[in-house]
Every structure is written in structure tokens, then in C-alpha cells.
Amino acid sequence: MKTAGLPEFQIPLPTAYGSAPRTPSNPNGVVAIVTGTAAPRNISYHWAQPTDYQWNLTIERELPGSQAVSAGYVGARAIHIIQLAEGNPTRILGFANGRPYFCHPADNPTGPPTIDDQCPTTTSFPAKSNPTYGNVNQNTAASETWYNALQLHWTKRFSHGLTGGIGYTWSKLLDYGSGHVGNEVAIGEGILFPQVRYLDKALAGFDIASNFKGNVTYHIPAFNNTQSRIAKALNGWWIASIISMQSGLPINPLIGNRSLSNNPGAAGSATDRPDLDPSFDRHKVITHNPARWFDPTMFALPLAGTLGNAPRNFLRGPDLKNVDFAINKDTRLREQAIVQFRAEVFNILNRPNFANTGTGQGTGAANNTNIISSLSSPAAIQCGPSYAVKSCQFGSSPALAPNATAGIIVATVTTSRQIQLSLKLIF
């Protein structure tokens, strides 16, 4: 940074390494953003070794008929997990009801915005912790995870032509937004508020609350023990099936940057969470319709300069149910040679298993179907009884119309029914 003529960060803020090619005019590799300030990438000074602790207790019981059951508790606690964070967070101006705010009303230059006294529509982004720089894309080891699960198993060892098993897991995984790359980063799980990260503690983006797996294989008894052609046609048949069921992944409804907490590197790239409207009903917000999986009109626009009260990842996407089935026949040609015919049907029920919202629309905030409203300007809309827009509920007025793509599902995670025939020689 000295070489580039820019002031250094002071501990605990990080020293950046270049994120763009180093050139004589750009020796540290920093890049400029729309605010005209340097936006370096960096690694936090406070790096620690990621550590995972695991424990479990399992009780097993043998049953008659070559069967066994088990029940167990599994726990895990991880600390110093790598995640993406904002290394140069916006300054918090104060707290109201336990939540930070980032702007002041015009006639109350030291107080928080309220429903009757909101920040001006021309409010700009407050200063960063180090105002010389813009966003700092920081790799940290600051996240933590908590995992608890009940695991149940039943197994049937092979006897009388039958074998199978059932497994069920009921679990919860919490974190602060541990996504470093991939889906969680794409939907805004990089931490933007490291000073108040307790607001982000919630279900992990890959939490699966219920997970059921079952499998069975049954060899049909021989109808005829002779070596005749009829016996070869009737004998050697066996069937198999795999059943999979699991609850949906979490959904994180978002809006454009309303809190003024993160000066975006490109217009519209920052996101916040909305408020829960008084009409919000947890039992009705999920419509189960892929054309609009969640109802955006049950959310409201927070006051400019404040964070929405909707929790992170508190809704669930579509569940998954799938049944595969196979019918097979083993025909012995000689003592050490078998011809195996297999007819396999994947997703035999032809059930559409939909992907989550926010996926399948490309990259970037504009393509994220979790976003209820993109908000071209963070503070432009003032809403409430004292203002022209009387309600802050999305859908209550043209000024608060939800995005046309909000809540849309455009992809599936399994194929439609597929039939596969095969012939195999085993020798």
C-alpha cells in the first residue's frame, strides 16, 4: 500500500495483497470501484487454525431375524471456519432496539430513524471504518458452526433372500454464514456486518432438517430347481429399490441495499434482509407453487438506514422425494459364468423435485430469485402513515411492487423418469 501511495490499515484492520495483476502503476494489485476508492482483497491478521470437535453416543440392539437397530446422538462444534467478510465495514452510527442504524433523520442529526421521522431520500452511504478504501474482500477464519443430530438406523442382513436398511437423521446446523465460495456467497452470505455478527447466526445454507434413506433387495425364491429352459426362465429374479426423502434447504429472502451499511462495488450488488410484515404467517408464506414459492407480500421494506428483522435462512425450499426401482435376472451359463439382465427405473414416480429459489438464474444479484425488490436507490422510498407511500408492505403500492422473478423456481435437482436396460456378463 505504501508503494501505491495509499495509507496502511492499522491492526486489527488487514494489510491487503493484490487482487488484480500487478503493474508499475498498480504495484499492489488493488482495483478501483464505482466510489473511486481502492478495493483490495486480503487475509485477516487474526487467522487461526480451523478446528472441529465431534462427539457421539450410540445404542445398538440385535434383533431376531438377522436384524439390528441403533439410535444415536451426534454433535459437532467447529471454530475458526473460513468465510468471506467485509474487512472495511461501514461505521455504525448507533443502536435502536438492539439493531444498528446507519443514517440520521434531518431534524434529529444524532438519533435513529423512526417510522414518523425517517432519513432523507437523498441520504448517502456513511463512511467506512477506513474511508480511504471501499469494500475490502476479506478472507477470515471467524465463522463458527453448531451441529446436533438424532440418527436412527435399522438393518436387515441377508437371509431368506431379503436384505435392506433404513436410516433417518433429524438435525440442525447453525452458523454465521460459513459459505466461502459457491451458493452461500452468491446469495449474500458473505458477512457484511462483522461488528454485529450475532444478527447472522442462523441455519446454515446447506442445513437439512430431516433426511430419510431406505433400501431393500429381495431375491425371489426359485420356482424350479432343474436345469431346463423353463427353470432358467423362471429362476434368478430379484428386485431392488432405493427410497430417498429429505426436507428442503433454507431460503434467505433478500432485498436490495436498504440499510446503507455496505457501499456496493457495483450498482445493486449489495443486499439486505427485509422486515416481516404484520401480515406475515409462517404457515402461509410458503405457497408450494414453483411460480412463486414464497409470498413476497408478507414482507415489508425496512426504514432506510436500518437492518430488516427477517432472520437469515428462516424459510425452507422444496423437499425431495425420489424412488428408484430395479428388476434383475441372473442366468447361469456354466459354473463360473452368469448373464445378468437389469431393468432400472430412476424416479419411478416421475415426481418433479424442484431446486431452491435463487438458483438456475445465472449469477449476480439481478438474477437471484430470492430478491424481493432490487431497490435502485437505498433511501429513495419513505413509507409509513406520515408519508405518501402509506404502507411499507411489498405489493401494497406500485412503489413497492415485488420483482417479477421473486420466489420463482426454474430448475429441478433430479431428472424425470428414466428407464435403463443393460446386460452384463459376470465370469
Protein backbone atom coordinates (compact mmCIF):
# COMPACT_ATOMS: atom_id res chain seq x y z
CA MET A 1 0.00 0.00 0.00
CA LYS A 2 2.89 2.36 0.69
CA THR A 3 4.12 1.88 -2.87
CA ALA A 4 0.68 2.74 -4.22
CA GLY A 5 0.63 5.93 -2.17
CA LEU A 6 -2.30 4.74 -0.04
CA PRO A 7 -2.38 4.78 3.77
CA GLU A 8 -2.00 1.45 5.51
CA PHE A 9 -4.65 -0.19 7.61
CA GLN A 10 -3.88 -0.34 11.30
CA ILE A 11 -4.32 -3.53 13.27
CA PRO A 12 -6.92 -5.01 13.59
CA LEU A 13 -7.69 -3.95 10.02
CA PRO A 14 -5.75 -6.00 7.49
CA THR A 15 -2.94 -5.32 5.09
CA ALA A 16 -4.09 -6.18 1.59
CA TYR A 17 -2.49 -8.27 -1.05
CA GLY A 18 -3.27 -7.63 -4.70
CA SER A 19 -6.40 -8.93 -6.35
CA ALA A 20 -5.56 -7.57 -9.81
CA PRO A 21 -2.42 -8.00 -11.92
CA ARG A 22 0.50 -6.01 -10.52
CA THR A 23 1.74 -3.28 -12.84
CA PRO A 24 4.12 -0.31 -12.36
CA SER A 25 1.09 1.96 -11.94
CA ASN A 26 -0.75 -0.53 -9.74
CA PRO A 27 2.02 -2.25 -7.74
CA ASN A 28 -0.25 -3.75 -5.08
CA GLY A 29 -2.86 -5.06 -7.48
CA VAL A 30 -5.72 -3.08 -5.94
CA VAL A 31 -8.74 -2.37 -8.09
CA ALA A 32 -10.99 0.69 -8.27
CA ILE A 33 -14.75 0.54 -7.74
CA VAL A 34 -17.52 2.97 -8.57
CA THR A 35 -16.86 5.02 -5.44
CA GLY A 36 -13.37 5.81 -6.76
CA THR A 37 -11.64 4.17 -3.79
CA ALA A 38 -9.32 1.19 -3.72
CA ALA A 39 -10.97 -2.19 -3.11
CA PRO A 40 -8.27 -4.69 -2.15
CA ARG A 41 -8.58 -8.36 -1.31
CA ASN A 42 -6.87 -9.54 1.83
CA ILE A 43 -6.41 -12.13 4.52
CA SER A 44 -7.25 -11.19 8.09
CA TYR A 45 -4.47 -10.64 10.60
CA HIS A 46 -6.44 -12.66 13.13
CA TRP A 47 -6.14 -16.02 11.41
CA ALA A 48 -6.45 -19.20 13.44
CA GLN A 49 -6.37 -22.89 12.65
CA PRO A 50 -9.84 -24.21 11.74
CA THR A 51 -10.80 -26.72 14.42
CA ASP A 52 -13.62 -29.24 14.57
CA TYR A 53 -14.83 -31.10 17.67
CA GLN A 54 -17.11 -34.13 17.31
CA TRP A 55 -18.81 -36.41 19.79
CA ASN A 56 -21.48 -39.09 19.65
CA LEU A 57 -23.32 -41.66 21.73
CA THR A 58 -24.95 -44.65 20.05
CA ILE A 59 -27.05 -47.51 21.44
CA GLU A 60 -27.33 -50.66 19.32
CA ARG A 61 -29.58 -53.69 19.72
CA GLU A 62 -29.50 -57.02 17.91
CA LEU A 63 -32.95 -58.39 16.99
CA PRO A 64 -34.17 -61.79 15.83
CA GLY A 65 -34.23 -62.49 12.12
CA SER A 66 -30.76 -61.08 11.37
CA GLN A 67 -31.92 -57.57 12.23
CA ALA A 68 -30.35 -54.74 14.22
CA VAL A 69 -31.43 -51.26 15.30
CA SER A 70 -29.46 -48.32 16.61
CA ALA A 71 -30.18 -44.84 17.94
CA GLY A 72 -27.54 -42.21 18.39
CA TYR A 73 -26.83 -38.59 19.15
CA VAL A 74 -24.16 -36.84 17.09
CA GLY A 75 -22.79 -33.42 17.91
CA ALA A 76 -20.15 -31.22 16.37
CA ARG A 77 -18.71 -27.81 17.09
CA ALA A 78 -16.38 -26.03 14.69
CA ILE A 79 -14.46 -22.80 15.25
CA HIS A 80 -12.25 -20.61 13.08
CA ILE A 81 -14.12 -21.63 9.92
CA ILE A 82 -13.07 -19.83 6.75
CA GLN A 83 -15.58 -17.35 5.38
CA LEU A 84 -15.79 -14.21 3.31
CA ALA A 85 -16.34 -10.98 5.28
CA GLU A 86 -16.32 -7.24 4.77
CA GLY A 87 -12.91 -6.17 6.04
CA ASN A 88 -13.75 -2.46 5.98
CA PRO A 89 -17.28 -2.29 7.41
CA THR A 90 -19.41 0.81 7.37
CA ARG A 91 -19.43 2.73 10.62
CA ILE A 92 -22.42 2.03 12.85
CA LEU A 93 -23.96 5.32 13.99
CA GLY A 94 -25.94 3.85 16.88
CA PHE A 95 -28.33 1.14 18.02
CA ALA A 96 -32.14 1.09 18.36
CA ASN A 97 -33.96 -1.95 19.76
CA GLY A 98 -30.70 -3.92 19.60
CA ARG A 99 -30.13 -3.27 15.89
CA PRO A 100 -27.65 -0.87 14.30
CA TYR A 101 -28.62 2.07 12.14
CA PHE A 102 -26.57 3.87 9.51
CA CYS A 103 -28.26 7.24 8.95
CA HIS A 104 -29.92 10.08 10.90
CA PRO A 105 -33.16 11.94 10.20
CA ALA A 106 -32.67 15.52 9.03
CA ASP A 107 -34.26 17.03 12.16
CA ASN A 108 -32.57 14.58 14.55
CA PRO A 109 -28.92 14.52 13.44
CA THR A 110 -27.82 12.30 16.33
CA GLY A 111 -30.79 9.94 16.66
CA PRO A 112 -32.15 6.86 14.92
CA PRO A 113 -34.68 6.84 12.08
CA THR A 114 -38.26 6.11 13.16
CA ILE A 115 -41.50 5.36 11.31
CA ASP A 116 -42.53 9.03 11.70
CA ASP A 117 -39.08 10.57 11.29
CA GLN A 118 -37.11 8.88 8.54
CA CYS A 119 -33.80 9.60 6.88
CA PRO A 120 -33.92 11.94 3.85
CA THR A 121 -34.36 10.35 0.45
CA THR A 122 -31.01 11.85 -0.57
CA THR A 123 -29.11 10.13 2.24
CA SER A 124 -25.78 8.77 1.06
CA PHE A 125 -23.62 5.98 2.39
CA PRO A 126 -21.89 6.76 5.70
CA ALA A 127 -18.15 6.49 5.97
CA LYS A 128 -16.28 3.22 6.02
CA SER A 129 -14.10 2.29 9.01
CA ASN A 130 -11.18 3.39 6.83
CA PRO A 131 -12.71 5.95 4.44
CA THR A 132 -9.71 5.89 2.11
CA TYR A 133 -10.78 2.43 0.93
CA GLY A 134 -14.01 0.96 -0.40
CA ASN A 135 -15.10 -2.61 0.07
CA VAL A 136 -12.39 -4.93 1.35
CA ASN A 137 -12.97 -8.51 0.27
CA GLN A 138 -11.55 -10.23 3.33
CA ASN A 139 -10.88 -13.91 3.93
CA THR A 140 -11.25 -14.66 7.61
CA ALA A 141 -11.31 -17.66 9.93
CA ALA A 142 -14.04 -16.10 12.06
CA SER A 143 -17.09 -18.28 11.48
CA GLU A 144 -18.37 -20.98 13.81
CA THR A 145 -20.79 -23.88 13.44
CA TRP A 146 -23.02 -25.90 15.76
CA TYR A 147 -24.43 -29.30 14.74
CA ASN A 148 -26.76 -31.60 16.66
CA ALA A 149 -28.48 -34.67 15.27
CA LEU A 150 -30.56 -37.71 16.17
CA GLN A 151 -29.70 -40.70 13.98
CA LEU A 152 -31.84 -43.85 13.75
CA HIS A 153 -30.91 -46.99 11.81
CA TRP A 154 -32.46 -50.35 11.03
CA THR A 155 -30.59 -53.02 9.11
CA LYS A 156 -31.57 -56.46 7.87
CA ARG A 157 -28.68 -58.71 6.98
CA PHE A 158 -29.17 -61.08 4.07
CA SER A 159 -31.35 -64.07 4.96
CA HIS A 160 -34.23 -65.80 3.18
CA GLY A 161 -33.41 -63.73 0.10
CA LEU A 162 -34.03 -60.39 1.81
CA THR A 163 -31.67 -57.60 2.83
CA GLY A 164 -32.29 -53.91 3.48
CA GLY A 165 -31.83 -50.91 5.66
CA ILE A 166 -33.44 -47.68 6.82
CA GLY A 167 -31.69 -44.57 8.08
CA TYR A 168 -33.21 -41.37 9.41
CA THR A 169 -31.47 -38.21 10.61
CA TRP A 170 -33.12 -35.28 12.35
CA SER A 171 -30.62 -32.48 12.69
CA LYS A 172 -29.90 -28.77 12.88
CA LEU A 173 -26.80 -26.94 11.67
CA LEU A 174 -26.23 -23.33 12.73
CA ASP A 175 -23.52 -20.95 11.63
CA TYR A 176 -22.70 -17.31 10.97
CA GLY A 177 -22.64 -17.74 7.21
CA SER A 178 -19.84 -20.19 6.59
CA GLY A 179 -20.09 -20.12 2.81
CA HIS A 180 -16.65 -19.24 1.38
CA VAL A 181 -17.46 -19.90 -2.26
CA GLY A 182 -20.45 -21.17 -4.17
CA ASN A 183 -24.12 -20.93 -3.26
CA GLU A 184 -23.88 -19.15 0.09
CA VAL A 185 -21.58 -16.43 -1.19
CA ALA A 186 -23.78 -15.99 -4.27
CA ILE A 187 -26.88 -15.33 -2.15
CA GLY A 188 -25.26 -12.81 0.11
CA GLU A 189 -23.91 -14.98 2.91
CA GLY A 190 -20.58 -13.23 2.95
CA ILE A 191 -20.65 -11.37 6.26
CA LEU A 192 -21.29 -7.64 5.79
CA PHE A 193 -21.75 -6.80 9.48
CA PRO A 194 -18.79 -8.26 11.37
CA GLN A 195 -19.41 -5.86 14.27
CA VAL A 196 -22.86 -7.38 14.91
CA ARG A 197 -22.43 -10.88 13.58
CA TYR A 198 -24.90 -12.24 16.15
CA LEU A 199 -27.60 -11.00 13.77
CA ASP A 200 -26.39 -13.55 11.21
CA LYS A 201 -26.38 -16.63 13.46
CA ALA A 202 -28.98 -18.92 11.92
CA LEU A 203 -29.45 -22.08 9.89
CA ALA A 204 -26.60 -22.87 7.54
CA GLY A 205 -27.40 -22.64 3.86
CA PHE A 206 -26.91 -26.40 3.49
CA ASP A 207 -28.88 -27.48 6.60
CA ILE A 208 -31.20 -30.45 6.01
CA ALA A 209 -33.57 -30.90 8.95
CA SER A 210 -34.90 -34.36 8.04
CA ASN A 211 -33.20 -36.95 5.89
CA PHE A 212 -34.63 -40.45 5.23
CA LYS A 213 -32.96 -43.19 3.21
CA GLY A 214 -34.24 -46.73 2.69
CA ASN A 215 -33.10 -49.62 0.55
CA VAL A 216 -34.31 -53.18 0.02
CA THR A 217 -33.19 -56.11 -2.10
CA TYR A 218 -35.23 -59.30 -2.44
CA HIS A 219 -34.22 -62.45 -4.28
CA ILE A 220 -37.36 -64.28 -5.41
CA PRO A 221 -37.20 -67.98 -4.43
CA ALA A 222 -36.54 -70.46 -7.22
CA PHE A 223 -39.68 -71.92 -8.80
CA ASN A 224 -37.93 -74.93 -10.30
CA ASN A 225 -34.58 -76.45 -9.37
CA THR A 226 -34.00 -78.28 -12.64
CA GLN A 227 -31.69 -77.07 -15.40
CA SER A 228 -34.42 -76.94 -18.03
CA ARG A 229 -35.06 -73.90 -20.17
CA ILE A 230 -38.27 -73.21 -18.25
CA ALA A 231 -36.36 -73.28 -14.96
CA LYS A 232 -33.73 -70.89 -16.32
CA ALA A 233 -36.53 -68.51 -17.40
CA LEU A 234 -38.34 -68.61 -14.05
CA ASN A 235 -35.42 -68.61 -11.66
CA GLY A 236 -32.82 -65.99 -10.78
CA TRP A 237 -35.08 -62.96 -10.49
CA TRP A 238 -34.50 -60.29 -7.84
CA ILE A 239 -35.76 -56.78 -7.20
CA ALA A 240 -34.22 -53.75 -5.52
CA SER A 241 -35.35 -50.29 -4.57
CA ILE A 242 -33.90 -47.12 -3.02
CA ILE A 243 -36.13 -44.51 -1.37
CA SER A 244 -34.83 -41.01 -0.61
CA MET A 245 -36.70 -38.24 1.19
CA GLN A 246 -35.33 -35.05 2.67
CA SER A 247 -36.57 -31.65 3.74
CA GLY A 248 -35.82 -28.57 1.69
CA LEU A 249 -32.77 -26.38 2.00
CA PRO A 250 -33.11 -22.98 3.69
CA ILE A 251 -34.21 -19.92 1.75
CA ASN A 252 -32.86 -16.45 2.54
CA PRO A 253 -35.28 -13.74 1.25
CA LEU A 254 -33.38 -10.58 0.35
CA ILE A 255 -33.89 -7.01 -0.79
CA GLY A 256 -31.50 -4.51 -2.32
CA ASN A 257 -29.23 -2.48 -0.08
CA ARG A 258 -31.60 -0.56 2.22
CA SER A 259 -29.53 -0.27 5.38
CA LEU A 260 -26.82 1.93 3.80
CA SER A 261 -24.44 -0.42 5.57
CA ASN A 262 -22.38 -1.50 2.59
CA ASN A 263 -21.31 0.86 -0.19
CA PRO A 264 -21.52 -1.57 -3.13
CA GLY A 265 -18.70 -2.14 -5.54
CA ALA A 266 -21.20 -2.14 -8.41
CA ALA A 267 -24.69 -0.69 -8.52
CA GLY A 268 -27.20 -3.06 -6.95
CA SER A 269 -24.66 -5.66 -5.83
CA ALA A 270 -25.24 -5.33 -2.07
CA THR A 271 -28.24 -6.93 -0.37
CA ASP A 272 -30.07 -6.77 2.96
CA ARG A 273 -32.85 -8.75 4.58
CA PRO A 274 -36.43 -7.38 4.65
CA ASP A 275 -38.79 -6.76 7.55
CA LEU A 276 -41.56 -9.21 8.39
CA ASP A 277 -44.86 -7.50 7.60
CA PRO A 278 -47.59 -7.68 10.30
CA SER A 279 -49.47 -9.95 7.87
CA PHE A 280 -46.62 -12.47 7.94
CA ASP A 281 -47.86 -16.02 8.57
CA ARG A 282 -45.20 -18.71 8.78
CA HIS A 283 -47.75 -21.35 7.76
CA LYS A 284 -48.85 -19.47 4.64
CA VAL A 285 -45.73 -17.68 3.41
CA ILE A 286 -44.64 -20.84 1.55
CA THR A 287 -47.10 -21.32 -1.31
CA HIS A 288 -45.63 -24.63 -2.63
CA ASN A 289 -46.08 -23.18 -6.12
CA PRO A 290 -42.84 -23.09 -8.17
CA ALA A 291 -44.16 -20.00 -9.98
CA ARG A 292 -43.77 -18.12 -6.66
CA TRP A 293 -42.54 -20.39 -3.89
CA PHE A 294 -42.78 -17.78 -1.16
CA ASP A 295 -45.20 -14.88 -0.90
CA PRO A 296 -43.23 -11.60 -1.13
CA THR A 297 -46.23 -9.57 0.05
CA MET A 298 -45.74 -10.95 3.56
CA PHE A 299 -42.55 -8.90 3.81
CA ALA A 300 -42.05 -5.17 4.24
CA LEU A 301 -39.43 -2.58 3.39
CA PRO A 302 -37.32 -1.62 6.44
CA LEU A 303 -36.73 2.03 7.20
CA ALA A 304 -33.80 3.43 5.23
CA GLY A 305 -30.61 3.08 7.22
CA THR A 306 -31.83 0.09 9.26
CA LEU A 307 -31.50 -3.66 9.01
CA GLY A 308 -34.59 -5.78 8.38
CA ASN A 309 -35.84 -8.05 11.17
CA ALA A 310 -36.33 -11.14 9.00
CA PRO A 311 -33.96 -13.86 10.25
CA ARG A 312 -31.37 -15.33 7.91
CA ASN A 313 -32.30 -18.60 6.17
CA PHE A 314 -35.60 -18.98 8.05
CA LEU A 315 -37.73 -20.34 5.19
CA ARG A 316 -37.46 -23.74 3.51
CA GLY A 317 -37.33 -24.63 -0.15
CA PRO A 318 -38.92 -27.66 -1.83
CA ASP A 319 -38.40 -31.08 -0.29
CA LEU A 320 -37.05 -34.05 -2.21
CA LYS A 321 -38.76 -37.41 -2.65
CA ASN A 322 -37.38 -40.00 -5.01
CA VAL A 323 -37.88 -43.73 -5.60
CA ASP A 324 -35.60 -45.82 -7.80
CA PHE A 325 -36.57 -49.39 -8.69
CA ALA A 326 -34.79 -52.22 -10.44
CA ILE A 327 -35.77 -55.71 -11.55
CA ASN A 328 -32.90 -58.03 -12.39
CA LYS A 329 -32.33 -61.58 -13.55
CA ASP A 330 -29.25 -63.73 -13.17
CA THR A 331 -28.97 -66.60 -15.65
CA ARG A 332 -26.16 -69.08 -15.09
CA LEU A 333 -24.49 -70.21 -18.31
CA ARG A 334 -21.99 -72.52 -16.69
CA GLU A 335 -20.43 -72.97 -13.27
CA GLN A 336 -18.47 -69.70 -13.31
CA ALA A 337 -20.39 -67.56 -15.82
CA ILE A 338 -23.59 -65.58 -15.28
CA VAL A 339 -25.51 -63.30 -17.60
CA GLN A 340 -27.25 -60.53 -15.66
CA PHE A 341 -30.15 -58.59 -17.12
CA ARG A 342 -31.03 -55.30 -15.40
CA ALA A 343 -34.08 -53.08 -15.92
CA GLU A 344 -33.67 -49.95 -13.80
CA VAL A 345 -36.17 -47.14 -13.40
CA PHE A 346 -34.93 -43.89 -11.86
CA ASN A 347 -37.54 -41.61 -10.28
CA ILE A 348 -40.20 -44.23 -10.98
CA LEU A 349 -42.96 -41.96 -9.64
CA ASN A 350 -41.83 -39.22 -12.07
CA ARG A 351 -42.02 -36.65 -9.29
CA PRO A 352 -40.58 -33.19 -10.03
CA ASN A 353 -38.04 -32.34 -7.33
CA PHE A 354 -37.55 -28.61 -7.59
CA ALA A 355 -34.39 -26.69 -6.82
CA ASN A 356 -34.37 -23.82 -4.37
CA THR A 357 -35.27 -20.30 -5.32
CA GLY A 358 -32.25 -18.22 -6.20
CA THR A 359 -30.70 -20.97 -8.33
CA GLY A 360 -30.72 -21.51 -12.06
CA GLN A 361 -30.96 -17.82 -12.97
CA GLY A 362 -27.30 -17.16 -13.67
CA THR A 363 -25.03 -15.10 -11.46
CA GLY A 364 -25.33 -11.72 -9.79
CA ALA A 365 -27.97 -10.04 -7.65
CA ALA A 366 -30.19 -9.21 -10.64
CA ASN A 367 -30.61 -12.94 -11.35
CA ASN A 368 -31.25 -14.00 -7.75
CA THR A 369 -34.90 -15.04 -7.32
CA ASN A 370 -34.55 -14.73 -3.54
CA ILE A 371 -34.52 -10.94 -4.01
CA ILE A 372 -37.95 -9.42 -3.38
CA SER A 373 -37.02 -5.94 -4.58
CA SER A 374 -33.74 -4.69 -6.03
CA LEU A 375 -34.07 -1.01 -4.87
CA SER A 376 -32.31 1.24 -7.35
CA SER A 377 -31.64 3.77 -4.57
CA PRO A 378 -31.36 2.73 -0.89
CA ALA A 379 -33.15 5.69 0.72
CA ALA A 380 -35.39 6.87 -2.14
CA ILE A 381 -38.59 5.38 -0.68
CA GLN A 382 -40.06 6.72 2.55
CA CYS A 383 -43.06 4.70 3.69
CA GLY A 384 -45.45 4.91 6.62
CA PRO A 385 -48.58 6.76 7.77
CA SER A 386 -46.81 10.13 7.60
CA TYR A 387 -45.58 9.73 4.03
CA ALA A 388 -47.03 9.49 0.53
CA VAL A 389 -46.42 5.71 0.48
CA LYS A 390 -48.66 4.79 3.41
CA SER A 391 -47.62 1.16 3.82
CA CYS A 392 -44.19 -0.46 3.75
CA GLN A 393 -45.65 -3.83 2.71
CA PHE A 394 -44.39 -5.13 -0.61
CA GLY A 395 -47.22 -5.20 -3.13
CA SER A 396 -49.24 -2.55 -1.30
CA SER A 397 -48.43 0.14 -3.88
CA PRO A 398 -46.70 0.49 -7.27
CA ALA A 399 -43.67 1.96 -5.48
CA LEU A 400 -43.24 -1.32 -3.60
CA ALA A 401 -44.05 -3.83 -6.34
CA PRO A 402 -42.01 -7.04 -5.86
CA ASN A 403 -39.60 -8.18 -8.54
CA ALA A 404 -41.36 -10.28 -11.16
CA THR A 405 -38.85 -13.07 -10.52
CA ALA A 406 -39.17 -13.06 -6.69
CA GLY A 407 -39.71 -16.60 -5.42
CA ILE A 408 -39.59 -18.25 -8.85
CA ILE A 409 -38.14 -21.76 -9.19
CA VAL A 410 -36.67 -22.52 -12.60
CA ALA A 411 -34.77 -25.77 -12.13
CA THR A 412 -35.03 -29.29 -10.74
CA VAL A 413 -32.47 -31.33 -8.84
CA THR A 414 -33.46 -34.73 -10.23
CA THR A 415 -34.33 -35.91 -13.71
CA SER A 416 -37.74 -37.02 -14.89
CA ARG A 417 -38.41 -40.77 -15.00
CA GLN A 418 -35.65 -42.62 -16.83
CA ILE A 419 -35.55 -46.30 -17.79
CA GLN A 420 -32.24 -48.05 -18.34
CA LEU A 421 -31.80 -51.57 -19.73
CA SER A 422 -28.49 -53.37 -19.55
CA LEU A 423 -26.95 -56.79 -19.99
CA LYS A 424 -23.81 -57.86 -18.14
CA LEU A 425 -21.63 -60.91 -18.30
CA ILE A 426 -20.13 -61.99 -14.98
CA PHE A 427 -17.39 -64.58 -15.03
